[in-house]
Amino acid sequence: MPDPQRYAPQVPVRRPRRLRTNPAMRELVAETTLRPADLILPMFVADGIESPREIASMPGVYQHTTDSLLRAAHEALDAGVRCVDLFGVPLPGDKDATGSVAWDPDGVLNRGVRALREEFRDDLLVMSDTCLDEFTDHGHCGLLATDAHGVTVVDNDATLPCYQAMAVAQAQAGAHIVSPSGMMDGQIAAIRAALDEAGFQDVAIMAYSAKYASAFFGPFREAVGSSLEGDRRAYQQDPANARESLLEVELDVAEGADFVMVKPALPYLDIVRQVADASPVPVAAYQVSGEYAMIQAAGQRGWVDGRAVMMESLTSIKRAGANQILTYFATEAARLLG
């Protein structure tokens, strides 16, 4: 005779593993979806080279000629990437104390922006880096001055007109988005006013609102041929601080930022989450050169499955709350995402 206790109501056993049994089930219940259109590809266009030049500390990433830049951008678009972020690498002799080649219409960055916009029109969004560090002979993001104590400092307010000129030149070249990365106080308001006055009300601003003075930027300095000696801790954020990021975001949004960014990404996922929870505008995160280089190096040595770590890292950034992810993996990841 059946045991009546066998069928008595019991507290149900929770088995989360039921929702992990096969790929279709896992995809059905996935909480985070990464799309090719979420990815932005940073690119470098250089003066004085006749063929693309691979960056030693960033395998698979190149300083481009105009022709190779367009080819690589076509590959990105074909994979589903809809935005690139362009950095210029001038000849060393073109650098000066003010970075004046940055707003020269014939400067390397503006020529690259123009070539991309003419090639793709509105099919591919062209974002341009709006900072002086690649163009100054001292490698800082702003103009230098001497304070009352005889110390050399970056002059915040004197730098803003240079950013204004640079942003307008980029807009004239065809940039859909300008991306001020110098962490100067008031830079967003100054650039917005200059763009509007010049008739570029529809050019968007992606503000590097929470940019940390990070050791993860090392390979990037090779990529742009940086002239910097020293560091940028006087104007980039202290890695120890979090609340400061929320203040920076609040200020940039009030000044007219259309996007805000956290940079780097993986070491600052807590900041990405806090900014995403607080921001009324889209939030980007930049998987920077050091993050890319570590994954590539470990993958090439067989220490990790490089492709799997790439996708896991990007998913973690999206899960933390980023709407857009700047990554040197953009084209490769987009191809995998289909």
Foldseek 3Di string as FASTA:
>chain_A
DDDPVVPPDDDDDDDPCVQVPDPVSCVVPPPFDDALQQEEEEAEEEPDDDAWDAQVLQPPHTHGHLVVVQVVVVLSVVLPHAEYEYDYAYDLVQAEQALVLLLVCPRRQLVSLLSNCVVQVRRHAYEYEQFRQLRHLARARAHWDADPVRDIDHDLVVRLVVSLSNLCSNVVSPHLEYEYDRQRPPNLLSNCVSCVVVPNNRRAYEYQQQAAQDPLQVSVCSVRVGNHDDTDPVRHDHPVDQVSSVVSLVRNVVSHHQEYEHPAFPVVLVNLLVCLVPDPHAYEHENHSSNSSVLVVCCVVVVDVSVVVVVVSVSSRVVSRHSHYYDNCSSVVSNVSD
